[in-house]
Structure formats: structure tokens, C-alpha cells
PDB file of N, CA and C in Angstrom:
ATOM      1  N   MET A   1      95.195 104.826  98.839  1.00  0.00           N
ATOM      2  CA  MET A   1      96.178 103.776  98.675  1.00  0.00           C
ATOM      3  C   MET A   1      97.079 104.153  97.511  1.00  0.00           C
ATOM      4  N   ARG A   2      98.395 103.947  97.701  1.00  0.00           N
ATOM      5  CA  ARG A   2      99.349 104.252  96.633  1.00  0.00           C
ATOM      6  C   ARG A   2     100.168 102.996  96.340  1.00  0.00           C
ATOM      7  N   ILE A   3     100.095 102.546  95.097  1.00  0.00           N
ATOM      8  CA  ILE A   3     100.793 101.336  94.659  1.00  0.00           C
ATOM      9  C   ILE A   3     102.047 101.742  93.902  1.00  0.00           C
ATOM     10  N   ALA A   4     103.181 101.157  94.285  1.00  0.00           N
ATOM     11  CA  ALA A   4     104.447 101.396  93.589  1.00  0.00           C
ATOM     12  C   ALA A   4     104.778 100.176  92.735  1.00  0.00           C
ATOM     13  N   ILE A   5     105.127 100.444  91.473  1.00  0.00           N
ATOM     14  CA  ILE A   5     105.488  99.373  90.547  1.00  0.00           C
ATOM     15  C   ILE A   5     106.822  99.733  89.906  1.00  0.00           C
ATOM     16  N   PRO A   6     107.860  98.898  90.097  1.00  0.00           N
ATOM     17  CA  PRO A   6     109.152  99.167  89.473  1.00  0.00           C
ATOM     18  C   PRO A   6     109.070  98.907  87.972  1.00  0.00           C
ATOM     19  N   LEU A   7     109.640  99.823  87.184  1.00  0.00           N
ATOM     20  CA  LEU A   7     109.527  99.718  85.731  1.00  0.00           C
ATOM     21  C   LEU A   7     110.879  99.631  85.035  1.00  0.00           C
ATOM     22  N   ALA A   8     110.888  98.891  83.938  1.00  0.00           N
ATOM     23  CA  ALA A   8     111.997  98.860  82.986  1.00  0.00           C
ATOM     24  C   ALA A   8     111.353  98.739  81.615  1.00  0.00           C
ATOM     25  N   GLY A   9     111.608  99.697  80.753  1.00  0.00           N
ATOM     26  CA  GLY A   9     111.002  99.664  79.429  1.00  0.00           C
ATOM     27  C   GLY A   9     109.488  99.766  79.449  1.00  0.00           C
ATOM     28  N   GLY A  10     108.931 100.435  80.463  1.00  0.00           N
ATOM     29  CA  GLY A  10     107.481 100.638  80.532  1.00  0.00           C
ATOM     30  C   GLY A  10     106.697  99.472  81.101  1.00  0.00           C
ATOM     31  N   GLN A  11     107.378  98.382  81.420  1.00  0.00           N
ATOM     32  CA  GLN A  11     106.729  97.197  81.989  1.00  0.00           C
ATOM     33  C   GLN A  11     107.305  96.938  83.385  1.00  0.00           C
ATOM     34  N   LEU A  12     106.648  96.060  84.139  1.00  0.00           N
ATOM     35  CA  LEU A  12     107.153  95.695  85.453  1.00  0.00           C
ATOM     36  C   LEU A  12     108.576  95.162  85.312  1.00  0.00           C
ATOM     37  N   ALA A  13     109.503  95.730  86.072  1.00  0.00           N
ATOM     38  CA  ALA A  13     110.887  95.252  86.100  1.00  0.00           C
ATOM     39  C   ALA A  13     110.934  94.001  86.971  1.00  0.00           C
ATOM     40  N   LEU A  14     111.427  92.925  86.421  1.00  0.00           N
ATOM     41  CA  LEU A  14     111.419  91.673  87.170  1.00  0.00           C
ATOM     42  C   LEU A  14     112.394  91.679  88.337  1.00  0.00           C
ATOM     43  N   HIS A  15     113.460  92.455  88.268  1.00  0.00           N
ATOM     44  CA  HIS A  15     114.382  92.568  89.403  1.00  0.00           C
ATOM     45  C   HIS A  15     114.198  93.947  90.016  1.00  0.00           C
ATOM     46  N   PHE A  16     113.566  93.971  91.161  1.00  0.00           N
ATOM     47  CA  PHE A  16     113.134  95.197  91.817  1.00  0.00           C
ATOM     48  C   PHE A  16     114.234  96.233  91.987  1.00  0.00           C
ATOM     49  N   GLY A  17     115.383  95.836  92.480  1.00  0.00           N
ATOM     50  CA  GLY A  17     116.429  96.783  92.825  1.00  0.00           C
ATOM     51  C   GLY A  17     117.149  97.416  91.652  1.00  0.00           C
ATOM     52  N   HIS A  18     116.833  96.975  90.442  1.00  0.00           N
ATOM     53  CA  HIS A  18     117.531  97.497  89.266  1.00  0.00           C
ATOM     54  C   HIS A  18     116.566  98.122  88.264  1.00  0.00           C
ATOM     55  N   CYS A  19     115.510  98.721  88.750  1.00  0.00           N
ATOM     56  CA  CYS A  19     114.526  99.327  87.856  1.00  0.00           C
ATOM     57  C   CYS A  19     114.971 100.733  87.442  1.00  0.00           C
ATOM     58  N   GLU A  20     114.364 101.235  86.373  1.00  0.00           N
ATOM     59  CA  GLU A  20     114.672 102.570  85.854  1.00  0.00           C
ATOM     60  C   GLU A  20     113.783 103.638  86.489  1.00  0.00           C
ATOM     61  N   HIS A  21     112.517 103.298  86.668  1.00  0.00           N
ATOM     62  CA  HIS A  21     111.504 104.226  87.179  1.00  0.00           C
ATOM     63  C   HIS A  21     110.543 103.462  88.086  1.00  0.00           C
ATOM     64  N   PHE A  22     109.719 104.219  88.770  1.00  0.00           N
ATOM     65  CA  PHE A  22     108.599 103.656  89.507  1.00  0.00           C
ATOM     66  C   PHE A  22     107.330 104.333  89.024  1.00  0.00           C
ATOM     67  N   ALA A  23     106.305 103.534  88.760  1.00  0.00           N
ATOM     68  CA  ALA A  23     104.967 104.070  88.563  1.00  0.00           C
ATOM     69  C   ALA A  23     104.343 104.110  89.954  1.00  0.00           C
ATOM     70  N   LEU A  24     103.893 105.278  90.375  1.00  0.00           N
ATOM     71  CA  LEU A  24     103.193 105.446  91.647  1.00  0.00           C
ATOM     72  C   LEU A  24     101.737 105.711  91.306  1.00  0.00           C
ATOM     73  N   VAL A  25     100.890 104.738  91.618  1.00  0.00           N
ATOM     74  CA  VAL A  25      99.497 104.775  91.191  1.00  0.00           C
ATOM     75  C   VAL A  25      98.601 104.958  92.411  1.00  0.00           C
ATOM     76  N   ASN A  26      97.876 106.058  92.440  1.00  0.00           N
ATOM     77  CA  ASN A  26      96.908 106.302  93.508  1.00  0.00           C
ATOM     78  C   ASN A  26      95.599 105.632  93.123  1.00  0.00           C
ATOM     79  N   VAL A  27      95.058 104.833  94.037  1.00  0.00           N
ATOM     80  CA  VAL A  27      93.808 104.125  93.766  1.00  0.00           C
ATOM     81  C   VAL A  27      92.835 104.314  94.918  1.00  0.00           C
ATOM     82  N   ASP A  28      91.573 104.175  94.592  1.00  0.00           N
ATOM     83  CA  ASP A  28      90.517 104.114  95.603  1.00  0.00           C
ATOM     84  C   ASP A  28      90.125 102.642  95.687  1.00  0.00           C
ATOM     85  N   PRO A  29      90.593 101.932  96.729  1.00  0.00           N
ATOM     86  CA  PRO A  29      90.308 100.497  96.792  1.00  0.00           C
ATOM     87  C   PRO A  29      88.837 100.171  97.001  1.00  0.00           C
ATOM     88  N   THR A  30      88.095 101.094  97.591  1.00  0.00           N
ATOM     89  CA  THR A  30      86.663 100.866  97.792  1.00  0.00           C
ATOM     90  C   THR A  30      85.922 100.915  96.465  1.00  0.00           C
ATOM     91  N   GLU A  31      86.222 101.923  95.663  1.00  0.00           N
ATOM     92  CA  GLU A  31      85.578 102.075  94.357  1.00  0.00           C
ATOM     93  C   GLU A  31      86.287 101.271  93.258  1.00  0.00           C
ATOM     94  N   ARG A  32      87.479 100.764  93.606  1.00  0.00           N
ATOM     95  CA  ARG A  32      88.294  99.996  92.664  1.00  0.00           C
ATOM     96  C   ARG A  32      88.596 100.785  91.402  1.00  0.00           C
ATOM     97  N   THR A  33      89.068 102.016  91.629  1.00  0.00           N
ATOM     98  CA  THR A  33      89.385 102.891  90.506  1.00  0.00           C
ATOM     99  C   THR A  33      90.757 103.528  90.687  1.00  0.00           C
ATOM    100  N   VAL A  34      91.377 103.834  89.556  1.00  0.00           N
ATOM    101  CA  VAL A  34      92.641 104.547  89.554  1.00  0.00           C
ATOM    102  C   VAL A  34      92.338 106.032  89.594  1.00  0.00           C
ATOM    103  N   ILE A  35      92.999 106.744  90.491  1.00  0.00           N
ATOM    104  CA  ILE A  35      92.799 108.182  90.634  1.00  0.00           C
ATOM    105  C   ILE A  35      93.859 108.950  89.853  1.00  0.00           C
ATOM    106  N   ALA A  36      95.114 108.514  89.968  1.00  0.00           N
ATOM    107  CA  ALA A  36      96.205 109.217  89.291  1.00  0.00           C
ATOM    108  C   ALA A  36      97.412 108.297  89.190  1.00  0.00           C
ATOM    109  N   ARG A  37      98.296 108.632  88.249  1.00  0.00           N
ATOM    110  CA  ARG A  37      99.571 107.922  88.106  1.00  0.00           C
ATOM    111  C   ARG A  37     100.679 108.946  87.954  1.00  0.00           C
ATOM    112  N   GLU A  38     101.781 108.699  88.670  1.00  0.00           N
ATOM    113  CA  GLU A  38     102.967 109.539  88.574  1.00  0.00           C
ATOM    114  C   GLU A  38     104.155 108.613  88.364  1.00  0.00           C
ATOM    115  N   ASP A  39     104.988 108.885  87.379  1.00  0.00           N
ATOM    116  CA  ASP A  39     106.210 108.120  87.173  1.00  0.00           C
ATOM    117  C   ASP A  39     107.381 108.942  87.693  1.00  0.00           C
ATOM    118  N   VAL A  40     108.226 108.306  88.500  1.00  0.00           N
ATOM    119  CA  VAL A  40     109.393 108.986  89.057  1.00  0.00           C
ATOM    120  C   VAL A  40     110.630 108.140  88.791  1.00  0.00           C
ATOM    121  N   GLY A  41     111.742 108.801  88.536  1.00  0.00           N
ATOM    122  CA  GLY A  41     112.999 108.104  88.344  1.00  0.00           C
ATOM    123  C   GLY A  41     113.450 107.455  89.632  1.00  0.00           C
ATOM    124  N   ALA A  42     114.006 106.266  89.503  1.00  0.00           N
ATOM    125  CA  ALA A  42     114.503 105.564  90.686  1.00  0.00           C
ATOM    126  C   ALA A  42     115.786 106.226  91.171  1.00  0.00           C
ATOM    127  N   PRO A  43     115.977 106.263  92.481  1.00  0.00           N
ATOM    128  CA  PRO A  43     117.236 106.811  92.999  1.00  0.00           C
ATOM    129  C   PRO A  43     118.370 105.835  92.696  1.00  0.00           C
ATOM    130  N   PRO A  44     119.622 106.277  92.829  1.00  0.00           N
ATOM    131  CA  PRO A  44     120.745 105.352  92.629  1.00  0.00           C
ATOM    132  C   PRO A  44     120.628 104.167  93.587  1.00  0.00           C
ATOM    133  N   HIS A  45     121.024 102.992  93.109  1.00  0.00           N
ATOM    134  CA  HIS A  45     120.918 101.784  93.925  1.00  0.00           C
ATOM    135  C   HIS A  45     121.814 101.890  95.154  1.00  0.00           C
ATOM    136  N   GLU A  46     121.188 101.733  96.304  1.00  0.00           N
ATOM    137  CA  GLU A  46     121.896 101.762  97.582  1.00  0.00           C
ATOM    138  C   GLU A  46     121.125 100.851  98.524  1.00  0.00           C
ATOM    139  N   PRO A  47     121.766  99.831  99.095  1.00  0.00           N
ATOM    140  CA  PRO A  47     121.059  98.910  99.981  1.00  0.00           C
ATOM    141  C   PRO A  47     120.281  99.646 101.080  1.00  0.00           C
ATOM    142  N   GLY A  48     119.019  99.284 101.223  1.00  0.00           N
ATOM    143  CA  GLY A  48     118.175  99.839 102.277  1.00  0.00           C
ATOM    144  C   GLY A  48     117.532 101.178 101.979  1.00  0.00           C
ATOM    145  N   LEU A  49     117.863 101.801 100.846  1.00  0.00           N
ATOM    146  CA  LEU A  49     117.320 103.125 100.541  1.00  0.00           C
ATOM    147  C   LEU A  49     115.871 103.079 100.058  1.00  0.00           C
ATOM    148  N   LEU A  50     115.539 102.143  99.173  1.00  0.00           N
ATOM    149  CA  LEU A  50     114.212 102.154  98.542  1.00  0.00           C
ATOM    150  C   LEU A  50     113.045 102.062  99.521  1.00  0.00           C
ATOM    151  N   PRO A  51     113.109 101.273 100.582  1.00  0.00           N
ATOM    152  CA  PRO A  51     111.971 101.262 101.506  1.00  0.00           C
ATOM    153  C   PRO A  51     111.669 102.643 102.090  1.00  0.00           C
ATOM    154  N   ARG A  52     112.699 103.357 102.531  1.00  0.00           N
ATOM    155  CA  ARG A  52     112.485 104.707 103.076  1.00  0.00           C
ATOM    156  C   ARG A  52     112.027 105.663 101.974  1.00  0.00           C
ATOM    157  N   TRP A  53     112.647 105.566 100.821  1.00  0.00           N
ATOM    158  CA  TRP A  53     112.346 106.462  99.706  1.00  0.00           C
ATOM    159  C   TRP A  53     110.894 106.290  99.240  1.00  0.00           C
ATOM    160  N   LEU A  54     110.467 105.043  99.069  1.00  0.00           N
ATOM    161  CA  LEU A  54     109.081 104.811  98.629  1.00  0.00           C
ATOM    162  C   LEU A  54     108.075 105.157  99.729  1.00  0.00           C
ATOM    163  N   ALA A  55     108.420 104.921 100.984  1.00  0.00           N
ATOM    164  CA  ALA A  55     107.539 105.341 102.086  1.00  0.00           C
ATOM    165  C   ALA A  55     107.383 106.854 102.060  1.00  0.00           C
ATOM    166  N   GLY A  56     108.470 107.564 101.776  1.00  0.00           N
ATOM    167  CA  GLY A  56     108.416 109.015 101.665  1.00  0.00           C
ATOM    168  C   GLY A  56     107.555 109.496 100.514  1.00  0.00           C
ATOM    169  N   HIS A  57     107.384 108.652  99.506  1.00  0.00           N
ATOM    170  CA  HIS A  57     106.510 108.969  98.371  1.00  0.00           C
ATOM    171  C   HIS A  57     105.075 108.465  98.605  1.00  0.00           C
ATOM    172  N   GLY A  58     104.808 107.938  99.798  1.00  0.00           N
ATOM    173  CA  GLY A  58     103.449 107.547 100.164  1.00  0.00           C
ATOM    174  C   GLY A  58     103.022 106.162  99.732  1.00  0.00           C
ATOM    175  N   ALA A  59     103.959 105.322  99.279  1.00  0.00           N
ATOM    176  CA  ALA A  59     103.590 103.970  98.846  1.00  0.00           C
ATOM    177  C   ALA A  59     103.079 103.144 100.022  1.00  0.00           C
ATOM    178  N   THR A  60     102.010 102.389  99.771  1.00  0.00           N
ATOM    179  CA  THR A  60     101.465 101.484 100.783  1.00  0.00           C
ATOM    180  C   THR A  60     101.489 100.037 100.310  1.00  0.00           C
ATOM    181  N   LEU A  61     101.744  99.835  99.012  1.00  0.00           N
ATOM    182  CA  LEU A  61     101.789  98.499  98.419  1.00  0.00           C
ATOM    183  C   LEU A  61     102.784  98.519  97.275  1.00  0.00           C
ATOM    184  N   ILE A  62     103.556  97.444  97.138  1.00  0.00           N
ATOM    185  CA  ILE A  62     104.468  97.294  96.013  1.00  0.00           C
ATOM    186  C   ILE A  62     104.104  96.017  95.289  1.00  0.00           C
ATOM    187  N   ILE A  63     104.005  96.116  93.975  1.00  0.00           N
ATOM    188  CA  ILE A  63     103.833  94.949  93.127  1.00  0.00           C
ATOM    189  C   ILE A  63     105.170  94.742  92.426  1.00  0.00           C
ATOM    190  N   ALA A  64     105.782  93.575  92.636  1.00  0.00           N
ATOM    191  CA  ALA A  64     107.119  93.311  92.108  1.00  0.00           C
ATOM    192  C   ALA A  64     107.198  91.932  91.480  1.00  0.00           C
ATOM    193  N   GLY A  65     108.203  91.768  90.630  1.00  0.00           N
ATOM    194  CA  GLY A  65     108.483  90.450  90.075  1.00  0.00           C
ATOM    195  C   GLY A  65     109.307  89.653  91.071  1.00  0.00           C
ATOM    196  N   GLY A  66     110.416  90.243  91.496  1.00  0.00           N
ATOM    197  CA  GLY A  66     111.281  89.585  92.447  1.00  0.00           C
ATOM    198  C   GLY A  66     111.877  90.570  93.418  1.00  0.00           C
ATOM    199  N   MET A  67     112.114  90.102  94.644  1.00  0.00           N
ATOM    200  CA  MET A  67     112.684  90.960  95.676  1.00  0.00           C
ATOM    201  C   MET A  67     113.284  90.056  96.750  1.00  0.00           C
ATOM    202  N   GLY A  68     114.471  90.390  97.197  1.00  0.00           N
ATOM    203  CA  GLY A  68     115.110  89.631  98.261  1.00  0.00           C
ATOM    204  C   GLY A  68     114.363  89.747  99.580  1.00  0.00           C
ATOM    205  N   GLN A  69     114.582  88.765 100.448  1.00  0.00           N
ATOM    206  CA  GLN A  69     113.878  88.734 101.732  1.00  0.00           C
ATOM    207  C   GLN A  69     114.232  89.925 102.608  1.00  0.00           C
ATOM    208  N   ARG A  70     115.485  90.353 102.611  1.00  0.00           N
ATOM    209  CA  ARG A  70     115.859  91.510 103.429  1.00  0.00           C
ATOM    210  C   ARG A  70     115.086  92.747 103.005  1.00  0.00           C
ATOM    211  N   ALA A  71     114.978  92.982 101.700  1.00  0.00           N
ATOM    212  CA  ALA A  71     114.209  94.133 101.209  1.00  0.00           C
ATOM    213  C   ALA A  71     112.743  94.005 101.624  1.00  0.00           C
ATOM    214  N   ARG A  72     112.191  92.819 101.511  1.00  0.00           N
ATOM    215  CA  ARG A  72     110.786  92.613 101.910  1.00  0.00           C
ATOM    216  C   ARG A  72     110.604  92.939 103.392  1.00  0.00           C
ATOM    217  N   ASP A  73     111.561  92.530 104.216  1.00  0.00           N
ATOM    218  CA  ASP A  73     111.491  92.830 105.655  1.00  0.00           C
ATOM    219  C   ASP A  73     111.567  94.336 105.901  1.00  0.00           C
ATOM    220  N   LEU A  74     112.446  95.034 105.167  1.00  0.00           N
ATOM    221  CA  LEU A  74     112.571  96.485 105.331  1.00  0.00           C
ATOM    222  C   LEU A  74     111.298  97.210 104.905  1.00  0.00           C
ATOM    223  N   PHE A  75     110.648  96.736 103.851  1.00  0.00           N
ATOM    224  CA  PHE A  75     109.377  97.346 103.440  1.00  0.00           C
ATOM    225  C   PHE A  75     108.311  97.106 104.503  1.00  0.00           C
ATOM    226  N   SER A  76     108.288  95.922 105.058  1.00  0.00           N
ATOM    227  CA  SER A  76     107.327  95.616 106.116  1.00  0.00           C
ATOM    228  C   SER A  76     107.520  96.558 107.305  1.00  0.00           C
ATOM    229  N   GLN A  77     108.764  96.858 107.659  1.00  0.00           N
ATOM    230  CA  GLN A  77     109.045  97.781 108.754  1.00  0.00           C
ATOM    231  C   GLN A  77     108.537  99.182 108.454  1.00  0.00           C
ATOM    232  N   GLN A  78     108.419  99.528 107.184  1.00  0.00           N
ATOM    233  CA  GLN A  78     107.897 100.838 106.773  1.00  0.00           C
ATOM    234  C   GLN A  78     106.368 100.815 106.624  1.00  0.00           C
ATOM    235  N   GLY A  79     105.744  99.650 106.883  1.00  0.00           N
ATOM    236  CA  GLY A  79     104.294  99.532 106.750  1.00  0.00           C
ATOM    237  C   GLY A  79     103.834  99.387 105.304  1.00  0.00           C
ATOM    238  N   ILE A  80     104.736  98.908 104.448  1.00  0.00           N
ATOM    239  CA  ILE A  80     104.418  98.748 103.027  1.00  0.00           C
ATOM    240  C   ILE A  80     104.265  97.260 102.728  1.00  0.00           C
ATOM    241  N   GLU A  81     103.095  96.883 102.203  1.00  0.00           N
ATOM    242  CA  GLU A  81     102.835  95.501 101.800  1.00  0.00           C
ATOM    243  C   GLU A  81     103.561  95.216 100.489  1.00  0.00           C
ATOM    244  N   VAL A  82     104.043  93.989 100.315  1.00  0.00           N
ATOM    245  CA  VAL A  82     104.761  93.601  99.101  1.00  0.00           C
ATOM    246  C   VAL A  82     104.105  92.372  98.489  1.00  0.00           C
ATOM    247  N   ILE A  83     103.849  92.438  97.194  1.00  0.00           N
ATOM    248  CA  ILE A  83     103.402  91.291  96.415  1.00  0.00           C
ATOM    249  C   ILE A  83     104.520  90.969  95.448  1.00  0.00           C
ATOM    250  N   VAL A  84     105.040  89.736  95.463  1.00  0.00           N
ATOM    251  CA  VAL A  84     106.100  89.338  94.547  1.00  0.00           C
ATOM    252  C   VAL A  84     105.602  88.248  93.601  1.00  0.00           C
ATOM    253  N   GLY A  85     106.353  88.075  92.521  1.00  0.00           N
ATOM    254  CA  GLY A  85     106.013  87.047  91.544  1.00  0.00           C
ATOM    255  C   GLY A  85     105.030  87.510  90.495  1.00  0.00           C
ATOM    256  N   ALA A  86     104.808  88.824  90.408  1.00  0.00           N
ATOM    257  CA  ALA A  86     103.880  89.358  89.401  1.00  0.00           C
ATOM    258  C   ALA A  86     104.529  89.260  88.020  1.00  0.00           C
ATOM    259  N   PRO A  87     103.718  89.126  86.977  1.00  0.00           N
ATOM    260  CA  PRO A  87     104.263  89.036  85.616  1.00  0.00           C
ATOM    261  C   PRO A  87     104.691  90.404  85.091  1.00  0.00           C
ATOM    262  N   SER A  88     105.570  90.405  84.113  1.00  0.00           N
ATOM    263  CA  SER A  88     106.030  91.656  83.498  1.00  0.00           C
ATOM    264  C   SER A  88     104.946  92.171  82.556  1.00  0.00           C
ATOM    265  N   ARG A  89     104.139  93.075  83.084  1.00  0.00           N
ATOM    266  CA  ARG A  89     103.038  93.681  82.328  1.00  0.00           C
ATOM    267  C   ARG A  89     103.047  95.174  82.599  1.00  0.00           C
ATOM    268  N   SER A  90     102.156  95.897  81.962  1.00  0.00           N
ATOM    269  CA  SER A  90     102.064  97.339  82.170  1.00  0.00           C
ATOM    270  C   SER A  90     101.502  97.630  83.561  1.00  0.00           C
ATOM    271  N   PRO A  91     101.842  98.803  84.115  1.00  0.00           N
ATOM    272  CA  PRO A  91     101.273  99.170  85.418  1.00  0.00           C
ATOM    273  C   PRO A  91      99.744  99.173  85.402  1.00  0.00           C
ATOM    274  N   GLU A  92      99.165  99.637  84.311  1.00  0.00           N
ATOM    275  CA  GLU A  92      97.699  99.686  84.219  1.00  0.00           C
ATOM    276  C   GLU A  92      97.092  98.293  84.342  1.00  0.00           C
ATOM    277  N   ALA A  93      97.687  97.328  83.657  1.00  0.00           N
ATOM    278  CA  ALA A  93      97.163  95.958  83.697  1.00  0.00           C
ATOM    279  C   ALA A  93      97.341  95.355  85.097  1.00  0.00           C
ATOM    280  N   LEU A  94      98.495  95.577  85.703  1.00  0.00           N
ATOM    281  CA  LEU A  94      98.745  95.027  87.037  1.00  0.00           C
ATOM    282  C   LEU A  94      97.797  95.617  88.074  1.00  0.00           C
ATOM    283  N   VAL A  95      97.601  96.929  88.030  1.00  0.00           N
ATOM    284  CA  VAL A  95      96.702  97.580  88.988  1.00  0.00           C
ATOM    285  C   VAL A  95      95.263  97.138  88.748  1.00  0.00           C
ATOM    286  N   ALA A  96      94.854  97.040  87.496  1.00  0.00           N
ATOM    287  CA  ALA A  96      93.494  96.576  87.187  1.00  0.00           C
ATOM    288  C   ALA A  96      93.280  95.171  87.741  1.00  0.00           C
ATOM    289  N   ASP A  97      94.255  94.293  87.540  1.00  0.00           N
ATOM    290  CA  ASP A  97      94.139  92.933  88.081  1.00  0.00           C
ATOM    291  C   ASP A  97      94.083  92.952  89.609  1.00  0.00           C
ATOM    292  N   TYR A  98      94.916  93.771  90.234  1.00  0.00           N
ATOM    293  CA  TYR A  98      94.924  93.858  91.689  1.00  0.00           C
ATOM    294  C   TYR A  98      93.561  94.327  92.207  1.00  0.00           C
ATOM    295  N   LEU A  99      93.035  95.389  91.617  1.00  0.00           N
ATOM    296  CA  LEU A  99      91.754  95.939  92.064  1.00  0.00           C
ATOM    297  C   LEU A  99      90.595  94.970  91.845  1.00  0.00           C
ATOM    298  N   ALA A 100      90.720  94.117  90.820  1.00  0.00           N
ATOM    299  CA  ALA A 100      89.676  93.132  90.529  1.00  0.00           C
ATOM    300  C   ALA A 100      89.859  91.851  91.344  1.00  0.00           C
ATOM    301  N   GLY A 101      90.932  91.788  92.137  1.00  0.00           N
ATOM    302  CA  GLY A 101      91.202  90.580  92.907  1.00  0.00           C
ATOM    303  C   GLY A 101      91.744  89.456  92.041  1.00  0.00           C
ATOM    304  N   ALA A 102      92.271  89.800  90.869  1.00  0.00           N
ATOM    305  CA  ALA A 102      92.726  88.790  89.910  1.00  0.00           C
ATOM    306  C   ALA A 102      94.237  88.763  89.727  1.00  0.00           C
ATOM    307  N   LEU A 103      94.984  89.560  90.501  1.00  0.00           N
ATOM    308  CA  LEU A 103      96.441  89.553  90.362  1.00  0.00           C
ATOM    309  C   LEU A 103      96.970  88.273  90.981  1.00  0.00           C
ATOM    310  N   ARG A 104      97.599  87.476  90.170  1.00  0.00           N
ATOM    311  CA  ARG A 104      98.131  86.199  90.629  1.00  0.00           C
ATOM    312  C   ARG A 104      99.638  86.315  90.819  1.00  0.00           C
ATOM    313  N   ALA A 105     100.019  86.395  92.057  1.00  0.00           N
ATOM    314  CA  ALA A 105     101.452  86.411  92.356  1.00  0.00           C
ATOM    315  C   ALA A 105     101.973  84.996  92.176  1.00  0.00           C
ATOM    316  N   GLY A 106     103.200  84.908  91.734  1.00  0.00           N
ATOM    317  CA  GLY A 106     103.799  83.605  91.514  1.00  0.00           C
ATOM    318  C   GLY A 106     105.056  83.460  92.335  1.00  0.00           C
ATOM    319  N   GLU A 107     105.986  82.717  91.788  1.00  0.00           N
ATOM    320  CA  GLU A 107     107.264  82.492  92.449  1.00  0.00           C
ATOM    321  C   GLU A 107     108.067  83.781  92.500  1.00  0.00           C
ATOM    322  N   ASN A 108     108.699  84.045  93.626  1.00  0.00           N
ATOM    323  CA  ASN A 108     109.566  85.218  93.754  1.00  0.00           C
ATOM    324  C   ASN A 108     110.670  85.074  92.728  1.00  0.00           C
ATOM    325  N   LEU A 109     110.783  86.033  91.824  1.00  0.00           N
ATOM    326  CA  LEU A 109     111.731  85.942  90.724  1.00  0.00           C
ATOM    327  C   LEU A 109     113.124  86.443  91.093  1.00  0.00           C
ATOM    328  N   CYS A 110     113.368  86.684  92.369  1.00  0.00           N
ATOM    329  CA  CYS A 110     114.673  87.155  92.818  1.00  0.00           C
ATOM    330  C   CYS A 110     115.469  85.987  93.375  1.00  0.00           C
ATOM    331  N   ASP A 111     116.779  85.967  93.087  1.00  0.00           N
ATOM    332  CA  ASP A 111     117.598  84.855  93.544  1.00  0.00           C
ATOM    333  C   ASP A 111     118.434  85.185  94.775  1.00  0.00           C
ATOM    334  N   HIS A 112     118.109  86.280  95.471  1.00  0.00           N
ATOM    335  CA  HIS A 112     118.836  86.595  96.705  1.00  0.00           C
ATOM    336  C   HIS A 112     117.930  87.253  97.723  1.00  0.00           C
TER     337      HIS A 112
END
């Protein structure tokens, strides 16, 4: 399983489409452990690009603060699950909470 987390300043970027980097975290969901983390620069913002781009990087889950419905639909078409409303925390903390079943998604923080 590969979790993608949009970053700004080393923390979860609350607006998905305007992040600086992505943390791509490989996890073993059965053992609930992190295997590896890779940070990659985000491509230039272009509508519809990120779902294909992240699928190409092997992402199967995205943890986000906010994301528009169209983007969520495009990720679903790529077979990528999306969790929105996550708090702005470090990737390590978010993944640890997710693996422990304690990640509490909240209100979608995106206004479009």
C-alpha cells in the first residue's frame, strides 16, 4: 500500500491542489508498519493531472485536508481511495494514526 500526502512546509497541505511536495509512504497494512518514505516535488498545477500522476507513482490512498469533488471522482476512477478533512500534521503522525485506525477525518477543507 502506498499513501500519498500533500505537503506544505513539511506538514499536510490543507489545499490539495496547491501543495509543494508529496510524501509517498509505503506501508504494510497487515503489520501496520511503515516500510519507506519518498518525498517528490509536485508537478505544475494542471486540472486532472494529479490523479494520473499519483497513480503512476503507485499511490493507493491519499490523505488530504481538502479536495474538490471533481478531483475526488478522478482519483476514484484511478482506483485511489481519498480521505479528506485530515488535520495539518506530519506525514509520520498521519500515517501512524491511519495504521492504528485512529485517523479522524473531518470536514472537507476545500471550498470547491
